[in-house]
Amino acid sequence: MREHRSPFPHREFLTRKSGFTLLEVLVALAVLGIALVVIFQLFSADLKGLAASDDYANAAIKAESKMREILDDDSLSEKSWSETTEDGYRIDAVVTNTIAERTENLQVKLLEINLAVHWTSGLRERTITLKTMKLVNKPV
């Protein structure tokens, strides 16, 4: 029996697969590049979120500390003031007499305390506000 040989021996070489084509390599690199960009953007968004939450936590700590200071004042009366901290936070506080008509015959009055802490984050101004009330003795 006679062995069948192709009249074109060079075609056998062309049909063998011995590696990746240039197109396959380019597609793989493009997919890898897109995946890396997406991963880096996710990490960047996480870092921005952590920085923003850190700013809010610091502002909340400052607001709570100032609110405790105001509430500890036994001679608290109606007033408003503003101050700026060394680290760039602006604190605005307003103390007002609330429901005065309901407490006029009593020996106490109810004060409403509004405290706002402002800071700049990037190009935007951020604010956190705390509100509470305190019952104080009326001056005699």
C-alpha atoms as a PDB file:
ATOM      1  CA  MET A   1       0.000   0.000   0.000  1.00  0.00           C
ATOM      2  CA  ARG A   2       1.217   3.310  -0.897  1.00  0.00           C
ATOM      3  CA  GLU A   3       1.346   6.161   1.615  1.00  0.00           C
ATOM      4  CA  HIS A   4      -0.589   9.242   0.613  1.00  0.00           C
ATOM      5  CA  ARG A   5       1.543  12.327   0.630  1.00  0.00           C
ATOM      6  CA  SER A   6       0.244  15.777   0.102  1.00  0.00           C
ATOM      7  CA  PRO A   7       1.434  17.465  -3.047  1.00  0.00           C
ATOM      8  CA  PHE A   8       1.919  20.617  -0.887  1.00  0.00           C
ATOM      9  CA  PRO A   9       4.154  19.689   2.067  1.00  0.00           C
ATOM     10  CA  HIS A  10       4.482  23.279   3.243  1.00  0.00           C
ATOM     11  CA  ARG A  11       0.753  23.365   4.149  1.00  0.00           C
ATOM     12  CA  GLU A  12       1.257  20.822   6.930  1.00  0.00           C
ATOM     13  CA  PHE A  13       3.557  23.296   8.635  1.00  0.00           C
ATOM     14  CA  LEU A  14       0.937  26.044   8.401  1.00  0.00           C
ATOM     15  CA  THR A  15      -1.802  23.989  10.049  1.00  0.00           C
ATOM     16  CA  ARG A  16       0.242  23.098  13.160  1.00  0.00           C
ATOM     17  CA  LYS A  17      -0.436  25.224  16.250  1.00  0.00           C
ATOM     18  CA  SER A  18       2.711  25.815  18.216  1.00  0.00           C
ATOM     19  CA  GLY A  19       1.930  29.090  20.119  1.00  0.00           C
ATOM     20  CA  PHE A  20      -0.275  32.167  20.362  1.00  0.00           C
ATOM     21  CA  THR A  21      -1.005  34.414  17.454  1.00  0.00           C
ATOM     22  CA  LEU A  22      -0.334  38.105  17.629  1.00  0.00           C
ATOM     23  CA  LEU A  23      -4.076  38.808  17.691  1.00  0.00           C
ATOM     24  CA  GLU A  24      -4.592  36.519  20.699  1.00  0.00           C
ATOM     25  CA  VAL A  25      -1.785  38.234  22.585  1.00  0.00           C
ATOM     26  CA  LEU A  26      -3.211  41.707  21.831  1.00  0.00           C
ATOM     27  CA  VAL A  27      -6.710  40.708  22.951  1.00  0.00           C
ATOM     28  CA  ALA A  28      -5.343  39.209  26.187  1.00  0.00           C
ATOM     29  CA  LEU A  29      -3.350  42.379  26.916  1.00  0.00           C
ATOM     30  CA  ALA A  30      -6.391  44.579  26.241  1.00  0.00           C
ATOM     31  CA  VAL A  31      -8.571  42.528  28.618  1.00  0.00           C
ATOM     32  CA  LEU A  32      -5.837  42.621  31.266  1.00  0.00           C
ATOM     33  CA  GLY A  33      -5.459  46.397  30.888  1.00  0.00           C
ATOM     34  CA  ILE A  34      -9.199  47.007  31.262  1.00  0.00           C
ATOM     35  CA  ALA A  35      -9.354  44.762  34.341  1.00  0.00           C
ATOM     36  CA  LEU A  36      -6.426  46.594  35.981  1.00  0.00           C
ATOM     37  CA  VAL A  37      -7.994  50.007  35.329  1.00  0.00           C
ATOM     38  CA  VAL A  38     -11.276  48.886  36.901  1.00  0.00           C
ATOM     39  CA  ILE A  39      -9.487  47.474  39.962  1.00  0.00           C
ATOM     40  CA  PHE A  40      -7.454  50.679  40.453  1.00  0.00           C
ATOM     41  CA  GLN A  41     -10.608  52.807  40.191  1.00  0.00           C
ATOM     42  CA  LEU A  42     -12.303  50.687  42.870  1.00  0.00           C
ATOM     43  CA  PHE A  43      -9.339  51.129  45.214  1.00  0.00           C
ATOM     44  CA  SER A  44      -9.321  54.874  44.520  1.00  0.00           C
ATOM     45  CA  ALA A  45     -13.030  55.180  45.321  1.00  0.00           C
ATOM     46  CA  ASP A  46     -12.489  53.254  48.563  1.00  0.00           C
ATOM     47  CA  LEU A  47      -9.675  55.605  49.588  1.00  0.00           C
ATOM     48  CA  LYS A  48     -11.820  58.673  48.849  1.00  0.00           C
ATOM     49  CA  GLY A  49     -14.644  57.192  50.921  1.00  0.00           C
ATOM     50  CA  LEU A  50     -12.286  56.493  53.813  1.00  0.00           C
ATOM     51  CA  ALA A  51     -10.951  60.061  53.712  1.00  0.00           C
ATOM     52  CA  ALA A  52     -14.486  61.499  53.694  1.00  0.00           C
ATOM     53  CA  SER A  53     -15.595  59.318  56.603  1.00  0.00           C
ATOM     54  CA  ASP A  54     -12.472  60.349  58.525  1.00  0.00           C
ATOM     55  CA  ASP A  55     -13.382  64.032  58.005  1.00  0.00           C
ATOM     56  CA  TYR A  56     -16.938  63.420  59.219  1.00  0.00           C
ATOM     57  CA  ALA A  57     -15.689  61.456  62.239  1.00  0.00           C
ATOM     58  CA  ASN A  58     -13.302  64.264  63.210  1.00  0.00           C
ATOM     59  CA  ALA A  59     -16.052  66.863  62.801  1.00  0.00           C
ATOM     60  CA  ALA A  60     -18.460  64.770  64.892  1.00  0.00           C
ATOM     61  CA  ILE A  61     -15.859  64.463  67.651  1.00  0.00           C
ATOM     62  CA  LYS A  62     -15.307  68.242  67.628  1.00  0.00           C
ATOM     63  CA  ALA A  63     -19.065  68.900  67.647  1.00  0.00           C
ATOM     64  CA  GLU A  64     -19.714  66.478  70.488  1.00  0.00           C
ATOM     65  CA  SER A  65     -16.844  67.910  72.533  1.00  0.00           C
ATOM     66  CA  LYS A  66     -18.077  71.485  72.062  1.00  0.00           C
ATOM     67  CA  MET A  67     -21.665  70.447  72.832  1.00  0.00           C
ATOM     68  CA  ARG A  68     -20.540  68.849  76.120  1.00  0.00           C
ATOM     69  CA  GLU A  69     -18.654  72.039  76.961  1.00  0.00           C
ATOM     70  CA  ILE A  70     -21.781  74.131  76.326  1.00  0.00           C
ATOM     71  CA  LEU A  71     -24.030  71.767  78.317  1.00  0.00           C
ATOM     72  CA  ASP A  72     -21.618  71.849  81.281  1.00  0.00           C
ATOM     73  CA  ASP A  73     -21.984  75.636  81.538  1.00  0.00           C
ATOM     74  CA  ASP A  74     -24.279  76.265  84.513  1.00  0.00           C
ATOM     75  CA  SER A  75     -24.769  79.939  83.561  1.00  0.00           C
ATOM     76  CA  LEU A  76     -25.948  79.154  80.035  1.00  0.00           C
ATOM     77  CA  SER A  77     -28.129  81.867  78.528  1.00  0.00           C
ATOM     78  CA  GLU A  78     -29.377  82.984  75.137  1.00  0.00           C
ATOM     79  CA  LYS A  79     -26.463  83.843  72.864  1.00  0.00           C
ATOM     80  CA  SER A  80     -24.701  82.918  69.653  1.00  0.00           C
ATOM     81  CA  TRP A  81     -21.041  82.768  68.738  1.00  0.00           C
ATOM     82  CA  SER A  82     -18.615  81.402  66.190  1.00  0.00           C
ATOM     83  CA  GLU A  83     -15.048  80.185  66.502  1.00  0.00           C
ATOM     84  CA  THR A  84     -12.418  78.625  64.281  1.00  0.00           C
ATOM     85  CA  THR A  85     -10.194  75.791  65.460  1.00  0.00           C
ATOM     86  CA  GLU A  86      -6.501  75.473  64.689  1.00  0.00           C
ATOM     87  CA  ASP A  87      -7.147  72.645  62.250  1.00  0.00           C
ATOM     88  CA  GLY A  88      -9.595  74.582  60.064  1.00  0.00           C
ATOM     89  CA  TYR A  89     -13.006  73.713  61.508  1.00  0.00           C
ATOM     90  CA  ARG A  90     -15.495  76.547  62.075  1.00  0.00           C
ATOM     91  CA  ILE A  91     -17.947  76.046  64.931  1.00  0.00           C
ATOM     92  CA  ASP A  92     -21.175  78.072  65.042  1.00  0.00           C
ATOM     93  CA  ALA A  93     -23.354  77.813  68.144  1.00  0.00           C
ATOM     94  CA  VAL A  94     -26.765  79.348  68.855  1.00  0.00           C
ATOM     95  CA  VAL A  95     -28.580  79.104  72.199  1.00  0.00           C
ATOM     96  CA  THR A  96     -32.216  80.263  72.166  1.00  0.00           C
ATOM     97  CA  ASN A  97     -35.068  80.231  74.650  1.00  0.00           C
ATOM     98  CA  THR A  98     -37.716  77.896  73.317  1.00  0.00           C
ATOM     99  CA  ILE A  99     -41.396  77.609  74.251  1.00  0.00           C
ATOM    100  CA  ALA A 100     -41.048  80.620  76.574  1.00  0.00           C
ATOM    101  CA  GLU A 101     -44.848  80.988  76.774  1.00  0.00           C
ATOM    102  CA  ARG A 102     -45.123  77.529  78.340  1.00  0.00           C
ATOM    103  CA  THR A 103     -42.386  78.105  80.920  1.00  0.00           C
ATOM    104  CA  GLU A 104     -43.098  81.728  81.915  1.00  0.00           C
ATOM    105  CA  ASN A 105     -44.759  80.731  85.212  1.00  0.00           C
ATOM    106  CA  LEU A 106     -42.061  78.203  86.087  1.00  0.00           C
ATOM    107  CA  GLN A 107     -38.705  78.655  87.818  1.00  0.00           C
ATOM    108  CA  VAL A 108     -36.952  77.091  84.815  1.00  0.00           C
ATOM    109  CA  LYS A 109     -36.593  77.801  81.132  1.00  0.00           C
ATOM    110  CA  LEU A 110     -35.905  75.500  78.221  1.00  0.00           C
ATOM    111  CA  LEU A 111     -32.943  76.416  76.004  1.00  0.00           C
ATOM    112  CA  GLU A 112     -32.432  74.992  72.527  1.00  0.00           C
ATOM    113  CA  ILE A 113     -28.802  74.577  71.461  1.00  0.00           C
ATOM    114  CA  ASN A 114     -27.889  74.364  67.770  1.00  0.00           C
ATOM    115  CA  LEU A 115     -24.259  73.610  66.989  1.00  0.00           C
ATOM    116  CA  ALA A 116     -22.849  73.422  63.454  1.00  0.00           C
ATOM    117  CA  VAL A 117     -19.317  72.403  62.505  1.00  0.00           C
ATOM    118  CA  HIS A 118     -18.139  73.505  59.032  1.00  0.00           C
ATOM    119  CA  TRP A 119     -15.022  72.393  57.151  1.00  0.00           C
ATOM    120  CA  THR A 120     -13.739  72.372  53.597  1.00  0.00           C
ATOM    121  CA  SER A 121     -13.145  69.093  51.817  1.00  0.00           C
ATOM    122  CA  GLY A 122     -11.685  69.601  48.361  1.00  0.00           C
ATOM    123  CA  LEU A 123     -13.741  72.364  46.778  1.00  0.00           C
ATOM    124  CA  ARG A 124     -16.896  71.754  48.827  1.00  0.00           C
ATOM    125  CA  GLU A 125     -17.856  72.982  52.258  1.00  0.00           C
ATOM    126  CA  ARG A 126     -19.200  70.265  54.529  1.00  0.00           C
ATOM    127  CA  THR A 127     -21.336  70.706  57.634  1.00  0.00           C
ATOM    128  CA  ILE A 128     -22.458  68.555  60.514  1.00  0.00           C
ATOM    129  CA  THR A 129     -25.149  69.847  62.891  1.00  0.00           C
ATOM    130  CA  LEU A 130     -26.076  68.801  66.427  1.00  0.00           C
ATOM    131  CA  LYS A 131     -29.201  69.980  68.269  1.00  0.00           C
ATOM    132  CA  THR A 132     -30.264  69.475  71.856  1.00  0.00           C
ATOM    133  CA  MET A 133     -32.140  71.162  74.694  1.00  0.00           C
ATOM    134  CA  LYS A 134     -31.225  72.040  78.261  1.00  0.00           C
ATOM    135  CA  LEU A 135     -33.433  72.964  81.194  1.00  0.00           C
ATOM    136  CA  VAL A 136     -31.889  75.767  83.302  1.00  0.00           C
ATOM    137  CA  ASN A 137     -32.988  77.764  86.326  1.00  0.00           C
ATOM    138  CA  LYS A 138     -34.263  81.256  85.662  1.00  0.00           C
ATOM    139  CA  PRO A 139     -32.152  84.019  87.209  1.00  0.00           C
ATOM    140  CA  VAL A 140     -33.830  85.432  90.295  1.00  0.00           C
END
